[in-house]
Amino acid sequence: MKGIERLVFVGLNGYAVALDRETGEIVWSNNELKSGYVTLLLDGDRLIVSTNGYIFCLDPLTGRVIWNNHMKGYGGGAPTALVSVRGQSSQVLTQQAAEATAWQAAASANHTTSHTTSS
């Protein structure tokens, strides 16, 4: 069994799928979800999946359904926003990547400047 850090999760047309990060091979696929647009959130040791007005909680290592909730009366069929205090949304990850890139560029510029002035 692969560790969670070795997996990439994808939601497609009512499916949640885990892929091997290095090879792209399918590790598991769950077709128990209702069809439609799928939104995923990795929340620590749970994969939260929203599709067509249903919320599912999956084991991210196996794809097994831990629980589900029909969310009756909240609508369905539209993309869902999922946020967790433990997980990170793609916006947060994008911001962190931009900050890391800026920090690396500044560190590289400082390193070049220090070599130029000490020569």
PDB file of N, CA and C in Angstrom:
ATOM      1  N   MET A   1       0.842  -1.179   0.000  1.00  0.00           N
ATOM      2  CA  MET A   1       0.000   0.000   0.000  1.00  0.00           C
ATOM      3  C   MET A   1       0.890   1.246   0.000  1.00  0.00           C
ATOM      4  N   LYS A   2       0.528   2.197  -0.793  1.00  0.00           N
ATOM      5  CA  LYS A   2       1.303   3.430  -0.904  1.00  0.00           C
ATOM      6  C   LYS A   2       0.891   4.404   0.187  1.00  0.00           C
ATOM      7  N   GLY A   3       1.858   5.191   0.676  1.00  0.00           N
ATOM      8  CA  GLY A   3       1.552   6.228   1.646  1.00  0.00           C
ATOM      9  C   GLY A   3       0.796   7.355   0.981  1.00  0.00           C
ATOM     10  N   ILE A   4       0.088   8.114   1.781  1.00  0.00           N
ATOM     11  CA  ILE A   4      -0.750   9.195   1.259  1.00  0.00           C
ATOM     12  C   ILE A   4       0.067  10.224   0.476  1.00  0.00           C
ATOM     13  N   GLU A   5       1.336  10.426   0.878  1.00  0.00           N
ATOM     14  CA  GLU A   5       2.180  11.404   0.187  1.00  0.00           C
ATOM     15  C   GLU A   5       2.563  10.950  -1.216  1.00  0.00           C
ATOM     16  N   ARG A   6       2.342   9.695  -1.543  1.00  0.00           N
ATOM     17  CA  ARG A   6       2.660   9.151  -2.873  1.00  0.00           C
ATOM     18  C   ARG A   6       1.464   9.189  -3.818  1.00  0.00           C
ATOM     19  N   LEU A   7       0.347   9.758  -3.355  1.00  0.00           N
ATOM     20  CA  LEU A   7      -0.880   9.735  -4.142  1.00  0.00           C
ATOM     21  C   LEU A   7      -1.301  11.120  -4.608  1.00  0.00           C
ATOM     22  N   VAL A   8      -1.951  11.154  -5.770  1.00  0.00           N
ATOM     23  CA  VAL A   8      -2.593  12.346  -6.311  1.00  0.00           C
ATOM     24  C   VAL A   8      -4.056  11.971  -6.507  1.00  0.00           C
ATOM     25  N   PHE A   9      -4.972  12.827  -6.076  1.00  0.00           N
ATOM     26  CA  PHE A   9      -6.396  12.522  -6.136  1.00  0.00           C
ATOM     27  C   PHE A   9      -7.065  13.344  -7.228  1.00  0.00           C
ATOM     28  N   VAL A  10      -7.928  12.666  -7.999  1.00  0.00           N
ATOM     29  CA  VAL A  10      -8.601  13.290  -9.133  1.00  0.00           C
ATOM     30  C   VAL A  10     -10.082  12.945  -9.061  1.00  0.00           C
ATOM     31  N   GLY A  11     -10.928  13.934  -9.344  1.00  0.00           N
ATOM     32  CA  GLY A  11     -12.368  13.698  -9.430  1.00  0.00           C
ATOM     33  C   GLY A  11     -12.826  13.898 -10.856  1.00  0.00           C
ATOM     34  N   LEU A  12     -13.461  12.871 -11.429  1.00  0.00           N
ATOM     35  CA  LEU A  12     -13.919  12.924 -12.814  1.00  0.00           C
ATOM     36  C   LEU A  12     -15.292  12.282 -12.949  1.00  0.00           C
ATOM     37  N   ASN A  13     -16.281  13.041 -13.427  1.00  0.00           N
ATOM     38  CA  ASN A  13     -17.583  12.504 -13.799  1.00  0.00           C
ATOM     39  C   ASN A  13     -18.131  11.453 -12.839  1.00  0.00           C
ATOM     40  N   GLY A  14     -18.210  11.786 -11.565  1.00  0.00           N
ATOM     41  CA  GLY A  14     -18.764  10.870 -10.580  1.00  0.00           C
ATOM     42  C   GLY A  14     -17.786   9.856 -10.026  1.00  0.00           C
ATOM     43  N   TYR A  15     -16.530   9.959 -10.357  1.00  0.00           N
ATOM     44  CA  TYR A  15     -15.498   9.054  -9.854  1.00  0.00           C
ATOM     45  C   TYR A  15     -14.486   9.827  -9.010  1.00  0.00           C
ATOM     46  N   ALA A  16     -14.002   9.195  -7.963  1.00  0.00           N
ATOM     47  CA  ALA A  16     -12.817   9.663  -7.243  1.00  0.00           C
ATOM     48  C   ALA A  16     -11.738   8.630  -7.540  1.00  0.00           C
ATOM     49  N   VAL A  17     -10.560   9.111  -7.904  1.00  0.00           N
ATOM     50  CA  VAL A  17      -9.475   8.224  -8.320  1.00  0.00           C
ATOM     51  C   VAL A  17      -8.192   8.661  -7.630  1.00  0.00           C
ATOM     52  N   ALA A  18      -7.399   7.686  -7.184  1.00  0.00           N
ATOM     53  CA  ALA A  18      -6.067   7.970  -6.639  1.00  0.00           C
ATOM     54  C   ALA A  18      -5.048   7.458  -7.651  1.00  0.00           C
ATOM     55  N   LEU A  19      -4.100   8.322  -7.980  1.00  0.00           N
ATOM     56  CA  LEU A  19      -3.032   7.972  -8.905  1.00  0.00           C
ATOM     57  C   LEU A  19      -1.696   7.970  -8.182  1.00  0.00           C
ATOM     58  N   ASP A  20      -0.799   7.112  -8.627  1.00  0.00           N
ATOM     59  CA  ASP A  20       0.568   7.134  -8.123  1.00  0.00           C
ATOM     60  C   ASP A  20       1.225   8.412  -8.625  1.00  0.00           C
ATOM     61  N   ARG A  21       1.783   9.202  -7.729  1.00  0.00           N
ATOM     62  CA  ARG A  21       2.386  10.491  -8.071  1.00  0.00           C
ATOM     63  C   ARG A  21       3.521  10.352  -9.085  1.00  0.00           C
ATOM     64  N   GLU A  22       4.289   9.280  -9.023  1.00  0.00           N
ATOM     65  CA  GLU A  22       5.450   9.103  -9.891  1.00  0.00           C
ATOM     66  C   GLU A  22       5.118   8.505 -11.255  1.00  0.00           C
ATOM     67  N   THR A  23       4.173   7.558 -11.288  1.00  0.00           N
ATOM     68  CA  THR A  23       3.902   6.825 -12.526  1.00  0.00           C
ATOM     69  C   THR A  23       2.586   7.191 -13.192  1.00  0.00           C
ATOM     70  N   GLY A  24       1.656   7.776 -12.435  1.00  0.00           N
ATOM     71  CA  GLY A  24       0.337   8.079 -12.966  1.00  0.00           C
ATOM     72  C   GLY A  24      -0.591   6.871 -13.001  1.00  0.00           C
ATOM     73  N   GLU A  25      -0.125   5.731 -12.529  1.00  0.00           N
ATOM     74  CA  GLU A  25      -0.958   4.526 -12.506  1.00  0.00           C
ATOM     75  C   GLU A  25      -2.092   4.679 -11.494  1.00  0.00           C
ATOM     76  N   ILE A  26      -3.240   4.081 -11.816  1.00  0.00           N
ATOM     77  CA  ILE A  26      -4.385   4.115 -10.904  1.00  0.00           C
ATOM     78  C   ILE A  26      -4.104   3.186  -9.729  1.00  0.00           C
ATOM     79  N   VAL A  27      -4.182   3.737  -8.515  1.00  0.00           N
ATOM     80  CA  VAL A  27      -4.013   2.962  -7.287  1.00  0.00           C
ATOM     81  C   VAL A  27      -5.373   2.433  -6.833  1.00  0.00           C
ATOM     82  N   TRP A  28      -6.388   3.291  -6.860  1.00  0.00           N
ATOM     83  CA  TRP A  28      -7.759   2.879  -6.603  1.00  0.00           C
ATOM     84  C   TRP A  28      -8.715   3.818  -7.323  1.00  0.00           C
ATOM     85  N   SER A  29      -9.925   3.329  -7.558  1.00  0.00           N
ATOM     86  CA  SER A  29     -10.986   4.113  -8.184  1.00  0.00           C
ATOM     87  C   SER A  29     -12.286   3.795  -7.471  1.00  0.00           C
ATOM     88  N   ASN A  30     -13.064   4.825  -7.145  1.00  0.00           N
ATOM     89  CA  ASN A  30     -14.341   4.628  -6.464  1.00  0.00           C
ATOM     90  C   ASN A  30     -15.457   5.081  -7.398  1.00  0.00           C
ATOM     91  N   ASN A  31     -16.322   4.134  -7.788  1.00  0.00           N
ATOM     92  CA  ASN A  31     -17.448   4.467  -8.663  1.00  0.00           C
ATOM     93  C   ASN A  31     -18.773   4.445  -7.901  1.00  0.00           C
ATOM     94  N   GLU A  32     -18.727   4.489  -6.559  1.00  0.00           N
ATOM     95  CA  GLU A  32     -19.943   4.492  -5.744  1.00  0.00           C
ATOM     96  C   GLU A  32     -20.562   5.879  -5.620  1.00  0.00           C
ATOM     97  N   LEU A  33     -19.882   6.902  -6.122  1.00  0.00           N
ATOM     98  CA  LEU A  33     -20.368   8.269  -6.007  1.00  0.00           C
ATOM     99  C   LEU A  33     -21.488   8.507  -7.002  1.00  0.00           C
ATOM    100  N   LYS A  34     -22.303   9.490  -6.726  1.00  0.00           N
ATOM    101  CA  LYS A  34     -23.330   9.876  -7.691  1.00  0.00           C
ATOM    102  C   LYS A  34     -22.626  10.575  -8.841  1.00  0.00           C
ATOM    103  N   SER A  35     -23.165  10.471 -10.049  1.00  0.00           N
ATOM    104  CA  SER A  35     -22.500  11.081 -11.206  1.00  0.00           C
ATOM    105  C   SER A  35     -22.525  12.597 -11.105  1.00  0.00           C
ATOM    106  N   GLY A  36     -21.653  13.242 -11.835  1.00  0.00           N
ATOM    107  CA  GLY A  36     -21.612  14.694 -11.882  1.00  0.00           C
ATOM    108  C   GLY A  36     -20.235  15.240 -11.571  1.00  0.00           C
ATOM    109  N   TYR A  37     -20.186  16.566 -11.489  1.00  0.00           N
ATOM    110  CA  TYR A  37     -18.948  17.276 -11.178  1.00  0.00           C
ATOM    111  C   TYR A  37     -18.460  16.853  -9.797  1.00  0.00           C
ATOM    112  N   VAL A  38     -17.171  16.537  -9.664  1.00  0.00           N
ATOM    113  CA  VAL A  38     -16.623  16.036  -8.405  1.00  0.00           C
ATOM    114  C   VAL A  38     -15.605  17.036  -7.864  1.00  0.00           C
ATOM    115  N   THR A  39     -15.774  17.427  -6.603  1.00  0.00           N
ATOM    116  CA  THR A  39     -14.829  18.287  -5.906  1.00  0.00           C
ATOM    117  C   THR A  39     -14.201  17.469  -4.782  1.00  0.00           C
ATOM    118  N   LEU A  40     -12.880  17.589  -4.628  1.00  0.00           N
ATOM    119  CA  LEU A  40     -12.155  16.796  -3.631  1.00  0.00           C
ATOM    120  C   LEU A  40     -11.405  17.694  -2.658  1.00  0.00           C
ATOM    121  N   LEU A  41     -11.276  17.225  -1.416  1.00  0.00           N
ATOM    122  CA  LEU A  41     -10.461  17.899  -0.417  1.00  0.00           C
ATOM    123  C   LEU A  41      -9.788  16.837   0.436  1.00  0.00           C
ATOM    124  N   LEU A  42      -8.473  16.831   0.461  1.00  0.00           N
ATOM    125  CA  LEU A  42      -7.759  15.943   1.362  1.00  0.00           C
ATOM    126  C   LEU A  42      -7.679  16.644   2.710  1.00  0.00           C
ATOM    127  N   ASP A  43      -8.312  16.057   3.702  1.00  0.00           N
ATOM    128  CA  ASP A  43      -8.389  16.631   5.045  1.00  0.00           C
ATOM    129  C   ASP A  43      -7.698  15.672   6.008  1.00  0.00           C
ATOM    130  N   GLY A  44      -6.385  15.790   6.117  1.00  0.00           N
ATOM    131  CA  GLY A  44      -5.626  14.894   6.978  1.00  0.00           C
ATOM    132  C   GLY A  44      -5.723  13.465   6.482  1.00  0.00           C
ATOM    133  N   ASP A  45      -6.376  12.622   7.258  1.00  0.00           N
ATOM    134  CA  ASP A  45      -6.497  11.212   6.896  1.00  0.00           C
ATOM    135  C   ASP A  45      -7.863  10.887   6.289  1.00  0.00           C
ATOM    136  N   ARG A  46      -8.541  11.878   5.749  1.00  0.00           N
ATOM    137  CA  ARG A  46      -9.843  11.687   5.095  1.00  0.00           C
ATOM    138  C   ARG A  46      -9.847  12.429   3.759  1.00  0.00           C
ATOM    139  N   LEU A  47     -10.480  11.835   2.758  1.00  0.00           N
ATOM    140  CA  LEU A  47     -10.683  12.490   1.477  1.00  0.00           C
ATOM    141  C   LEU A  47     -12.167  12.837   1.399  1.00  0.00           C
ATOM    142  N   ILE A  48     -12.484  14.131   1.421  1.00  0.00           N
ATOM    143  CA  ILE A  48     -13.864  14.587   1.374  1.00  0.00           C
ATOM    144  C   ILE A  48     -14.214  14.846  -0.088  1.00  0.00           C
ATOM    145  N   VAL A  49     -15.325  14.267  -0.519  1.00  0.00           N
ATOM    146  CA  VAL A  49     -15.735  14.324  -1.919  1.00  0.00           C
ATOM    147  C   VAL A  49     -17.152  14.878  -1.995  1.00  0.00           C
ATOM    148  N   SER A  50     -17.354  15.861  -2.850  1.00  0.00           N
ATOM    149  CA  SER A  50     -18.675  16.425  -3.067  1.00  0.00           C
ATOM    150  C   SER A  50     -19.063  16.202  -4.521  1.00  0.00           C
ATOM    151  N   THR A  51     -20.268  15.675  -4.728  1.00  0.00           N
ATOM    152  CA  THR A  51     -20.776  15.485  -6.076  1.00  0.00           C
ATOM    153  C   THR A  51     -22.296  15.461  -6.069  1.00  0.00           C
ATOM    154  N   ASN A  52     -22.893  16.288  -6.897  1.00  0.00           N
ATOM    155  CA  ASN A  52     -24.337  16.266  -7.126  1.00  0.00           C
ATOM    156  C   ASN A  52     -25.179  16.333  -5.853  1.00  0.00           C
ATOM    157  N   GLY A  53     -24.762  17.144  -4.881  1.00  0.00           N
ATOM    158  CA  GLY A  53     -25.530  17.291  -3.647  1.00  0.00           C
ATOM    159  C   GLY A  53     -25.234  16.243  -2.592  1.00  0.00           C
ATOM    160  N   TYR A  54     -24.268  15.385  -2.827  1.00  0.00           N
ATOM    161  CA  TYR A  54     -23.852  14.373  -1.859  1.00  0.00           C
ATOM    162  C   TYR A  54     -22.449  14.697  -1.369  1.00  0.00           C
ATOM    163  N   ILE A  55     -22.185  14.430  -0.107  1.00  0.00           N
ATOM    164  CA  ILE A  55     -20.847  14.534   0.453  1.00  0.00           C
ATOM    165  C   ILE A  55     -20.431  13.135   0.890  1.00  0.00           C
ATOM    166  N   PHE A  56     -19.255  12.723   0.482  1.00  0.00           N
ATOM    167  CA  PHE A  56     -18.705  11.426   0.860  1.00  0.00           C
ATOM    168  C   PHE A  56     -17.400  11.648   1.603  1.00  0.00           C
ATOM    169  N   CYS A  57     -17.129  10.795   2.547  1.00  0.00           N
ATOM    170  CA  CYS A  57     -15.837  10.768   3.221  1.00  0.00           C
ATOM    171  C   CYS A  57     -15.200   9.429   2.857  1.00  0.00           C
ATOM    172  N   LEU A  58     -14.033   9.489   2.208  1.00  0.00           N
ATOM    173  CA  LEU A  58     -13.344   8.283   1.770  1.00  0.00           C
ATOM    174  C   LEU A  58     -12.036   8.104   2.528  1.00  0.00           C
ATOM    175  N   ASP A  59     -11.624   6.867   2.654  1.00  0.00           N
ATOM    176  CA  ASP A  59     -10.280   6.564   3.142  1.00  0.00           C
ATOM    177  C   ASP A  59      -9.343   6.852   1.969  1.00  0.00           C
ATOM    178  N   PRO A  60      -8.415   7.797   2.091  1.00  0.00           N
ATOM    179  CA  PRO A  60      -7.578   8.175   0.950  1.00  0.00           C
ATOM    180  C   PRO A  60      -6.610   7.077   0.494  1.00  0.00           C
ATOM    181  N   LEU A  61      -6.340   6.098   1.334  1.00  0.00           N
ATOM    182  CA  LEU A  61      -5.426   5.017   0.943  1.00  0.00           C
ATOM    183  C   LEU A  61      -6.123   3.902   0.178  1.00  0.00           C
ATOM    184  N   THR A  62      -7.452   3.756   0.384  1.00  0.00           N
ATOM    185  CA  THR A  62      -8.168   2.641  -0.236  1.00  0.00           C
ATOM    186  C   THR A  62      -9.338   3.066  -1.119  1.00  0.00           C
ATOM    187  N   GLY A  63      -9.860   4.270  -0.910  1.00  0.00           N
ATOM    188  CA  GLY A  63     -11.045   4.717  -1.632  1.00  0.00           C
ATOM    189  C   GLY A  63     -12.346   4.226  -1.023  1.00  0.00           C
ATOM    190  N   ARG A  64     -12.271   3.499   0.086  1.00  0.00           N
ATOM    191  CA  ARG A  64     -13.458   2.966   0.759  1.00  0.00           C
ATOM    192  C   ARG A  64     -14.287   4.116   1.349  1.00  0.00           C
ATOM    193  N   VAL A  65     -15.618   4.048   1.175  1.00  0.00           N
ATOM    194  CA  VAL A  65     -16.523   5.052   1.741  1.00  0.00           C
ATOM    195  C   VAL A  65     -16.607   4.841   3.247  1.00  0.00           C
ATOM    196  N   ILE A  66     -16.282   5.898   4.008  1.00  0.00           N
ATOM    197  CA  ILE A  66     -16.386   5.867   5.466  1.00  0.00           C
ATOM    198  C   ILE A  66     -17.782   6.328   5.893  1.00  0.00           C
ATOM    199  N   TRP A  67     -18.262   7.397   5.261  1.00  0.00           N
ATOM    200  CA  TRP A  67     -19.622   7.871   5.482  1.00  0.00           C
ATOM    201  C   TRP A  67     -20.066   8.701   4.284  1.00  0.00           C
ATOM    202  N   ASN A  68     -21.376   8.942   4.181  1.00  0.00           N
ATOM    203  CA  ASN A  68     -21.884   9.865   3.161  1.00  0.00           C
ATOM    204  C   ASN A  68     -23.107  10.582   3.705  1.00  0.00           C
ATOM    205  N   ASN A  69     -23.400  11.738   3.127  1.00  0.00           N
ATOM    206  CA  ASN A  69     -24.505  12.576   3.562  1.00  0.00           C
ATOM    207  C   ASN A  69     -25.153  13.166   2.311  1.00  0.00           C
ATOM    208  N   HIS A  70     -26.442  12.957   2.150  1.00  0.00           N
ATOM    209  CA  HIS A  70     -27.146  13.440   0.965  1.00  0.00           C
ATOM    210  C   HIS A  70     -27.310  14.957   0.948  1.00  0.00           C
ATOM    211  N   MET A  71     -27.160  15.634   2.036  1.00  0.00           N
ATOM    212  CA  MET A  71     -27.288  17.095   2.109  1.00  0.00           C
ATOM    213  C   MET A  71     -28.604  17.566   1.480  1.00  0.00           C
ATOM    214  N   LYS A  72     -29.670  16.871   1.780  1.00  0.00           N
ATOM    215  CA  LYS A  72     -30.994  17.159   1.231  1.00  0.00           C
ATOM    216  C   LYS A  72     -31.394  18.606   1.521  1.00  0.00           C
ATOM    217  N   GLY A  73     -31.880  19.283   0.483  1.00  0.00           N
ATOM    218  CA  GLY A  73     -32.347  20.653   0.620  1.00  0.00           C
ATOM    219  C   GLY A  73     -31.277  21.707   0.379  1.00  0.00           C
ATOM    220  N   TYR A  74     -30.032  21.290   0.108  1.00  0.00           N
ATOM    221  CA  TYR A  74     -28.953  22.246  -0.132  1.00  0.00           C
ATOM    222  C   TYR A  74     -28.625  22.402  -1.610  1.00  0.00           C
ATOM    223  N   GLY A  75     -29.388  21.772  -2.476  1.00  0.00           N
ATOM    224  CA  GLY A  75     -29.139  21.872  -3.912  1.00  0.00           C
ATOM    225  C   GLY A  75     -28.137  20.832  -4.362  1.00  0.00           C
ATOM    226  N   GLY A  76     -27.897  20.806  -5.643  1.00  0.00           N
ATOM    227  CA  GLY A  76     -26.950  19.829  -6.156  1.00  0.00           C
ATOM    228  C   GLY A  76     -26.598  20.121  -7.593  1.00  0.00           C
ATOM    229  N   GLY A  77     -25.585  19.467  -8.062  1.00  0.00           N
ATOM    230  CA  GLY A  77     -25.190  19.593  -9.456  1.00  0.00           C
ATOM    231  C   GLY A  77     -24.207  20.710  -9.741  1.00  0.00           C
ATOM    232  N   ALA A  78     -23.983  21.608  -8.810  1.00  0.00           N
ATOM    233  CA  ALA A  78     -23.042  22.710  -9.036  1.00  0.00           C
ATOM    234  C   ALA A  78     -21.720  22.406  -8.343  1.00  0.00           C
ATOM    235  N   PRO A  79     -20.629  22.958  -8.860  1.00  0.00           N
ATOM    236  CA  PRO A  79     -19.342  22.778  -8.165  1.00  0.00           C
ATOM    237  C   PRO A  79     -19.437  23.263  -6.724  1.00  0.00           C
ATOM    238  N   THR A  80     -18.734  22.585  -5.843  1.00  0.00           N
ATOM    239  CA  THR A  80     -18.796  22.872  -4.417  1.00  0.00           C
ATOM    240  C   THR A  80     -17.452  23.369  -3.923  1.00  0.00           C
ATOM    241  N   ALA A  81     -17.467  24.318  -3.011  1.00  0.00           N
ATOM    242  CA  ALA A  81     -16.237  24.770  -2.370  1.00  0.00           C
ATOM    243  C   ALA A  81     -16.047  23.965  -1.092  1.00  0.00           C
ATOM    244  N   LEU A  82     -14.885  23.341  -0.929  1.00  0.00           N
ATOM    245  CA  LEU A  82     -14.565  22.578   0.264  1.00  0.00           C
ATOM    246  C   LEU A  82     -13.336  23.197   0.916  1.00  0.00           C
ATOM    247  N   VAL A  83     -13.401  23.430   2.210  1.00  0.00           N
ATOM    248  CA  VAL A  83     -12.296  24.036   2.941  1.00  0.00           C
ATOM    249  C   VAL A  83     -12.151  23.315   4.267  1.00  0.00           C
ATOM    250  N   SER A  84     -10.920  23.172   4.734  1.00  0.00           N
ATOM    251  CA  SER A  84     -10.668  22.512   6.003  1.00  0.00           C
ATOM    252  C   SER A  84      -9.558  23.242   6.742  1.00  0.00           C
ATOM    253  N   VAL A  85      -9.619  23.222   8.062  1.00  0.00           N
ATOM    254  CA  VAL A  85      -8.528  23.814   8.836  1.00  0.00           C
ATOM    255  C   VAL A  85      -7.296  22.915   8.791  1.00  0.00           C
ATOM    256  N   ARG A  86      -7.486  21.622   8.510  1.00  0.00           N
ATOM    257  CA  ARG A  86      -6.342  20.709   8.413  1.00  0.00           C
ATOM    258  C   ARG A  86      -5.842  20.576   6.990  1.00  0.00           C
ATOM    259  N   GLY A  87      -6.765  20.535   6.030  1.00  0.00           N
ATOM    260  CA  GLY A  87      -6.371  20.431   4.631  1.00  0.00           C
ATOM    261  C   GLY A  87      -6.077  21.818   4.103  1.00  0.00           C
ATOM    262  N   GLN A  88      -5.610  21.891   2.879  1.00  0.00           N
ATOM    263  CA  GLN A  88      -5.340  23.187   2.274  1.00  0.00           C
ATOM    264  C   GLN A  88      -6.009  23.246   0.917  1.00  0.00           C
ATOM    265  N   SER A  89      -6.653  24.374   0.632  1.00  0.00           N
ATOM    266  CA  SER A  89      -7.281  24.531  -0.668  1.00  0.00           C
ATOM    267  C   SER A  89      -6.192  24.811  -1.694  1.00  0.00           C
ATOM    268  N   SER A  90      -6.519  24.676  -2.958  1.00  0.00           N
ATOM    269  CA  SER A  90      -5.538  24.922  -4.008  1.00  0.00           C
ATOM    270  C   SER A  90      -5.081  26.375  -4.005  1.00  0.00           C
ATOM    271  N   GLN A  91      -5.938  27.310  -3.582  1.00  0.00           N
ATOM    272  CA  GLN A  91      -5.540  28.723  -3.492  1.00  0.00           C
ATOM    273  C   GLN A  91      -4.399  28.895  -2.503  1.00  0.00           C
ATOM    274  N   VAL A  92      -4.497  28.258  -1.352  1.00  0.00           N
ATOM    275  CA  VAL A  92      -3.456  28.362  -0.333  1.00  0.00           C
ATOM    276  C   VAL A  92      -2.155  27.765  -0.866  1.00  0.00           C
ATOM    277  N   LEU A  93      -2.245  26.607  -1.504  1.00  0.00           N
ATOM    278  CA  LEU A  93      -1.041  25.966  -2.039  1.00  0.00           C
ATOM    279  C   LEU A  93      -0.397  26.810  -3.129  1.00  0.00           C
ATOM    280  N   THR A  94      -1.212  27.427  -3.991  1.00  0.00           N
ATOM    281  CA  THR A  94      -0.685  28.292  -5.039  1.00  0.00           C
ATOM    282  C   THR A  94       0.026  29.498  -4.428  1.00  0.00           C
ATOM    283  N   GLN A  95      -0.572  30.088  -3.393  1.00  0.00           N
ATOM    284  CA  GLN A  95       0.042  31.228  -2.714  1.00  0.00           C
ATOM    285  C   GLN A  95       1.361  30.822  -2.059  1.00  0.00           C
ATOM    286  N   GLN A  96       1.377  29.660  -1.412  1.00  0.00           N
ATOM    287  CA  GLN A  96       2.611  29.190  -0.777  1.00  0.00           C
ATOM    288  C   GLN A  96       3.702  28.946  -1.811  1.00  0.00           C
ATOM    289  N   ALA A  97       3.343  28.385  -2.961  1.00  0.00           N
ATOM    290  CA  ALA A  97       4.329  28.140  -4.018  1.00  0.00           C
ATOM    291  C   ALA A  97       4.891  29.455  -4.542  1.00  0.00           C
ATOM    292  N   ALA A  98       4.039  30.464  -4.704  1.00  0.00           N
ATOM    293  CA  ALA A  98       4.496  31.777  -5.173  1.00  0.00           C
ATOM    294  C   ALA A  98       5.430  32.422  -4.151  1.00  0.00           C
ATOM    295  N   GLU A  99       5.094  32.301  -2.872  1.00  0.00           N
ATOM    296  CA  GLU A  99       5.948  32.853  -1.820  1.00  0.00           C
ATOM    297  C   GLU A  99       7.299  32.144  -1.782  1.00  0.00           C
ATOM    298  N   ALA A 100       7.300  30.832  -1.950  1.00  0.00           N
ATOM    299  CA  ALA A 100       8.560  30.069  -1.955  1.00  0.00           C
ATOM    300  C   ALA A 100       9.424  30.462  -3.145  1.00  0.00           C
ATOM    301  N   THR A 101       8.799  30.659  -4.307  1.00  0.00           N
ATOM    302  CA  THR A 101       9.539  31.070  -5.504  1.00  0.00           C
ATOM    303  C   THR A 101      10.142  32.453  -5.301  1.00  0.00           C
ATOM    304  N   ALA A 102       9.375  33.377  -4.734  1.00  0.00           N
ATOM    305  CA  ALA A 102       9.877  34.733  -4.473  1.00  0.00           C
ATOM    306  C   ALA A 102      11.027  34.690  -3.480  1.00  0.00           C
ATOM    307  N   TRP A 103      10.904  33.862  -2.434  1.00  0.00           N
ATOM    308  CA  TRP A 103      11.968  33.748  -1.436  1.00  0.00           C
ATOM    309  C   TRP A 103      13.237  33.197  -2.068  1.00  0.00           C
ATOM    310  N   GLN A 104      13.099  32.166  -2.928  1.00  0.00           N
ATOM    311  CA  GLN A 104      14.265  31.587  -3.608  1.00  0.00           C
ATOM    312  C   GLN A 104      14.928  32.602  -4.525  1.00  0.00           C
ATOM    313  N   ALA A 105      14.128  33.383  -5.236  1.00  0.00           N
ATOM    314  CA  ALA A 105      14.680  34.408  -6.128  1.00  0.00           C
ATOM    315  C   ALA A 105      15.438  35.462  -5.324  1.00  0.00           C
ATOM    316  N   ALA A 106      14.885  35.876  -4.180  1.00  0.00           N
ATOM    317  CA  ALA A 106      15.553  36.868  -3.334  1.00  0.00           C
ATOM    318  C   ALA A 106      16.843  36.290  -2.762  1.00  0.00           C
ATOM    319  N   ALA A 107      16.815  35.039  -2.320  1.00  0.00           N
ATOM    320  CA  ALA A 107      18.007  34.401  -1.766  1.00  0.00           C
ATOM    321  C   ALA A 107      19.081  34.264  -2.831  1.00  0.00           C
ATOM    322  N   SER A 108      18.673  33.936  -4.044  1.00  0.00           N
ATOM    323  CA  SER A 108      19.626  33.810  -5.154  1.00  0.00           C
ATOM    324  C   SER A 108      20.245  35.161  -5.490  1.00  0.00           C
ATOM    325  N   ALA A 109      19.418  36.213  -5.504  1.00  0.00           N
ATOM    326  CA  ALA A 109      19.916  37.562  -5.784  1.00  0.00           C
ATOM    327  C   ALA A 109      20.889  38.006  -4.703  1.00  0.00           C
ATOM    328  N   ASN A 110      20.580  37.716  -3.436  1.00  0.00           N
ATOM    329  CA  ASN A 110      21.476  38.074  -2.329  1.00  0.00           C
ATOM    330  C   ASN A 110      22.784  37.307  -2.419  1.00  0.00           C
ATOM    331  N   HIS A 111      22.714  36.038  -2.819  1.00  0.00           N
ATOM    332  CA  HIS A 111      23.910  35.208  -2.955  1.00  0.00           C
ATOM    333  C   HIS A 111      24.810  35.767  -4.066  1.00  0.00           C
ATOM    334  N   THR A 112      24.195  36.160  -5.208  1.00  0.00           N
ATOM    335  CA  THR A 112      24.949  36.730  -6.317  1.00  0.00           C
ATOM    336  C   THR A 112      25.579  38.058  -5.920  1.00  0.00           C
ATOM    337  N   THR A 113      24.834  38.893  -5.203  1.00  0.00           N
ATOM    338  CA  THR A 113      25.328  40.197  -4.755  1.00  0.00           C
ATOM    339  C   THR A 113      26.504  40.026  -3.795  1.00  0.00           C
ATOM    340  N   SER A 114      26.430  39.060  -2.872  1.00  0.00           N
ATOM    341  CA  SER A 114      27.494  38.874  -1.909  1.00  0.00           C
ATOM    342  C   SER A 114      28.771  38.371  -2.586  1.00  0.00           C
ATOM    343  N   HIS A 115      28.633  37.561  -3.643  1.00  0.00           N
ATOM    344  CA  HIS A 115      29.813  37.100  -4.382  1.00  0.00           C
ATOM    345  C   HIS A 115      30.426  38.249  -5.184  1.00  0.00           C
ATOM    346  N   THR A 116      29.600  39.126  -5.722  1.00  0.00           N
ATOM    347  CA  THR A 116      30.082  40.239  -6.532  1.00  0.00           C
ATOM    348  C   THR A 116      30.828  41.248  -5.649  1.00  0.00           C
ATOM    349  N   THR A 117      30.310  41.539  -4.461  1.00  0.00           N
ATOM    350  CA  THR A 117      30.922  42.550  -3.610  1.00  0.00           C
ATOM    351  C   THR A 117      32.150  42.007  -2.882  1.00  0.00           C
ATOM    352  N   SER A 118      32.247  40.696  -2.673  1.00  0.00           N
ATOM    353  CA  SER A 118      33.397  40.171  -1.951  1.00  0.00           C
ATOM    354  C   SER A 118      34.561  39.840  -2.868  1.00  0.00           C
ATOM    355  N   SER A 119      34.380  39.883  -4.169  1.00  0.00           N
ATOM    356  CA  SER A 119      35.455  39.550  -5.105  1.00  0.00           C
ATOM    357  C   SER A 119      36.438  40.651  -5.273  1.00  0.00           C
TER     358      SER A 119
END
